[in-house]
Amino acid sequence: MNNIVISGRLTKDPECKEFSEGKSVCDITVAVNGYRKEDTIFIKIKAWDGRARSCSKFCKKGSLVNVTGSLRENSWKAKDGSMRKELYVLAADIEFVQRPQEGNSAKTESVTPANENQEPSPIKVSEEDLEEVPF
């Protein structure tokens, strides 16, 4: 079984591309904290079509996301003739947990729950409502 779940913050704004066939892809990099600061790892993630459009619309540097997907490998021949490889996560589901405040990507929005005793829940985006995320 090839399944991975990660939670972390975007290290930069999403890089999105649209193709003439109507397909779109969005590349993001997520920083995942380790036990110590030097244990932080950076994971590349690719999202396609509806997920890509949602990422470009709702994510920016500093956004906290939960990603579920599968680990993939991309290989190619470099200009110098050597073979190169990279690992990335192909996103199957992305939860937009928190967006950074305008003007400062290190801080996050404070969300006040309707019921003071209840924690706010993250917004989960399914395949059906990718285009209608309530932000």
Protein backbone atom coordinates (compact mmCIF):
# COMPACT_ATOMS: atom_id res chain seq x y z
CA MET A 1 0.00 0.00 0.00
CA ASN A 2 1.39 3.41 -0.97
CA ASN A 3 -0.28 6.01 1.26
CA ILE A 4 1.21 9.02 3.03
CA VAL A 5 -0.33 11.66 5.31
CA ILE A 6 1.56 14.84 6.17
CA SER A 7 0.82 18.09 7.94
CA GLY A 8 2.89 21.22 7.58
CA ARG A 9 3.23 24.76 6.28
CA LEU A 10 3.89 25.90 2.73
CA THR A 11 7.44 27.21 2.29
CA LYS A 12 6.48 29.47 -0.64
CA ASP A 13 3.45 30.41 -2.73
CA PRO A 14 2.08 27.61 -4.95
CA GLU A 15 3.50 27.35 -8.47
CA CYS A 16 0.59 26.58 -10.78
CA LYS A 17 0.45 25.89 -14.51
CA GLU A 18 -2.50 25.46 -16.86
CA PHE A 19 -2.23 23.41 -20.02
CA SER A 20 -4.07 23.89 -23.31
CA GLU A 21 -6.05 20.65 -22.76
CA GLY A 22 -7.75 22.22 -19.71
CA LYS A 23 -5.60 20.38 -17.18
CA SER A 24 -3.76 22.22 -14.43
CA VAL A 25 -1.03 21.28 -11.98
CA CYS A 26 0.11 22.99 -8.82
CA ASP A 27 3.47 22.36 -7.13
CA ILE A 28 3.85 23.14 -3.44
CA THR A 29 6.53 22.42 -0.87
CA VAL A 30 5.52 21.68 2.71
CA ALA A 31 7.84 21.96 5.72
CA VAL A 32 7.20 19.18 8.23
CA ASN A 33 8.56 19.73 11.74
CA GLY A 34 10.78 17.21 13.38
CA TYR A 35 11.62 16.86 17.06
CA ARG A 36 14.33 19.53 16.70
CA LYS A 37 14.43 22.48 14.30
CA GLU A 38 17.25 20.88 12.30
CA ASP A 39 15.05 17.77 11.80
CA THR A 40 12.57 19.70 9.62
CA ILE A 41 12.07 18.09 6.22
CA PHE A 42 10.73 19.66 3.03
CA ILE A 43 8.31 17.60 0.96
CA LYS A 44 7.33 18.37 -2.64
CA ILE A 45 3.66 17.90 -3.47
CA LYS A 46 1.85 17.88 -6.83
CA ALA A 47 -1.88 18.53 -7.09
CA TRP A 48 -3.80 18.20 -10.36
CA ASP A 49 -6.94 19.77 -11.84
CA GLY A 50 -9.54 20.73 -9.18
CA ARG A 51 -7.12 20.34 -6.30
CA ALA A 52 -4.58 22.47 -8.19
CA ARG A 53 -7.13 25.25 -8.73
CA SER A 54 -8.11 25.14 -5.05
CA CYS A 55 -4.46 25.30 -3.96
CA SER A 56 -3.78 28.31 -6.17
CA LYS A 57 -6.89 30.02 -4.79
CA PHE A 58 -6.66 29.24 -1.07
CA CYS A 59 -2.96 28.58 -0.29
CA LYS A 60 0.02 30.86 0.06
CA LYS A 61 3.33 30.86 1.88
CA GLY A 62 2.77 29.94 5.53
CA SER A 63 -0.57 28.15 5.01
CA LEU A 64 -1.07 25.10 7.22
CA VAL A 65 -2.28 22.09 5.22
CA ASN A 66 -2.91 18.39 5.74
CA VAL A 67 -2.16 16.31 2.65
CA THR A 68 -3.06 12.69 1.93
CA GLY A 69 -1.62 11.05 -1.14
CA SER A 70 0.82 8.57 -2.58
CA LEU A 71 4.58 8.71 -2.86
CA ARG A 72 5.81 8.95 -6.46
CA GLU A 73 9.17 9.10 -8.19
CA ASN A 74 10.09 11.22 -11.19
CA SER A 75 13.28 10.52 -13.14
CA TRP A 76 14.88 12.33 -16.07
CA LYS A 77 18.15 12.75 -17.90
CA ALA A 78 19.94 16.00 -17.03
CA LYS A 79 21.74 18.18 -19.59
CA ASP A 80 25.07 16.75 -18.46
CA GLY A 81 23.82 13.23 -19.30
CA SER A 82 23.40 12.05 -15.70
CA MET A 83 20.15 10.49 -14.49
CA ARG A 84 18.23 12.49 -11.86
CA LYS A 85 15.41 11.41 -9.54
CA GLU A 86 13.06 13.14 -7.17
CA LEU A 87 10.41 11.91 -4.77
CA TYR A 88 7.12 13.78 -4.38
CA VAL A 89 3.63 13.25 -3.03
CA LEU A 90 0.77 13.06 -5.51
CA ALA A 91 -2.07 14.69 -3.55
CA ALA A 92 -5.33 12.77 -3.28
CA ASP A 93 -6.84 15.03 -0.59
CA ILE A 94 -5.82 18.41 0.79
CA GLU A 95 -7.24 20.05 3.91
CA PHE A 96 -6.75 23.81 4.21
CA VAL A 97 -6.35 24.12 7.98
CA GLN A 98 -5.10 27.69 8.42
CA ARG A 99 -4.20 30.60 6.16
CA PRO A 100 -1.56 33.18 7.11
CA GLN A 101 -2.55 36.78 7.83
CA GLU A 102 -2.14 39.38 5.10
CA GLY A 103 1.24 41.07 5.25
CA ASN A 104 2.92 38.51 7.51
CA SER A 105 3.16 34.88 6.44
CA ALA A 106 4.58 33.74 9.80
CA LYS A 107 1.40 34.53 11.74
CA THR A 108 -1.91 32.74 11.34
CA GLU A 109 -5.53 33.86 11.43
CA SER A 110 -7.24 33.58 14.76
CA VAL A 111 -10.54 31.78 14.46
CA THR A 112 -13.17 32.35 17.12
CA PRO A 113 -15.53 29.39 17.41
CA ALA A 114 -19.28 30.01 17.62
CA ASN A 115 -19.36 27.91 20.78
CA GLU A 116 -16.53 28.90 23.15
CA ASN A 117 -16.13 25.28 24.38
CA GLN A 118 -15.80 23.86 20.86
CA GLU A 119 -12.59 23.92 18.81
CA PRO A 120 -12.84 24.97 15.17
CA SER A 121 -12.54 22.07 12.76
CA PRO A 122 -10.43 22.15 9.59
CA ILE A 123 -12.17 22.52 6.27
CA LYS A 124 -12.00 19.31 4.26
CA VAL A 125 -12.39 19.55 0.51
CA SER A 126 -13.94 16.62 -1.32
CA GLU A 127 -13.88 15.94 -5.06
CA GLU A 128 -17.47 17.19 -5.49
CA ASP A 129 -16.99 20.62 -3.93
CA LEU A 130 -13.44 21.47 -5.01
CA GLU A 131 -14.65 24.63 -6.70
CA GLU A 132 -16.82 25.82 -3.80
CA VAL A 133 -14.59 26.03 -0.73
CA PRO A 134 -16.24 28.43 1.78
CA PHE A 135 -13.50 31.03 2.36
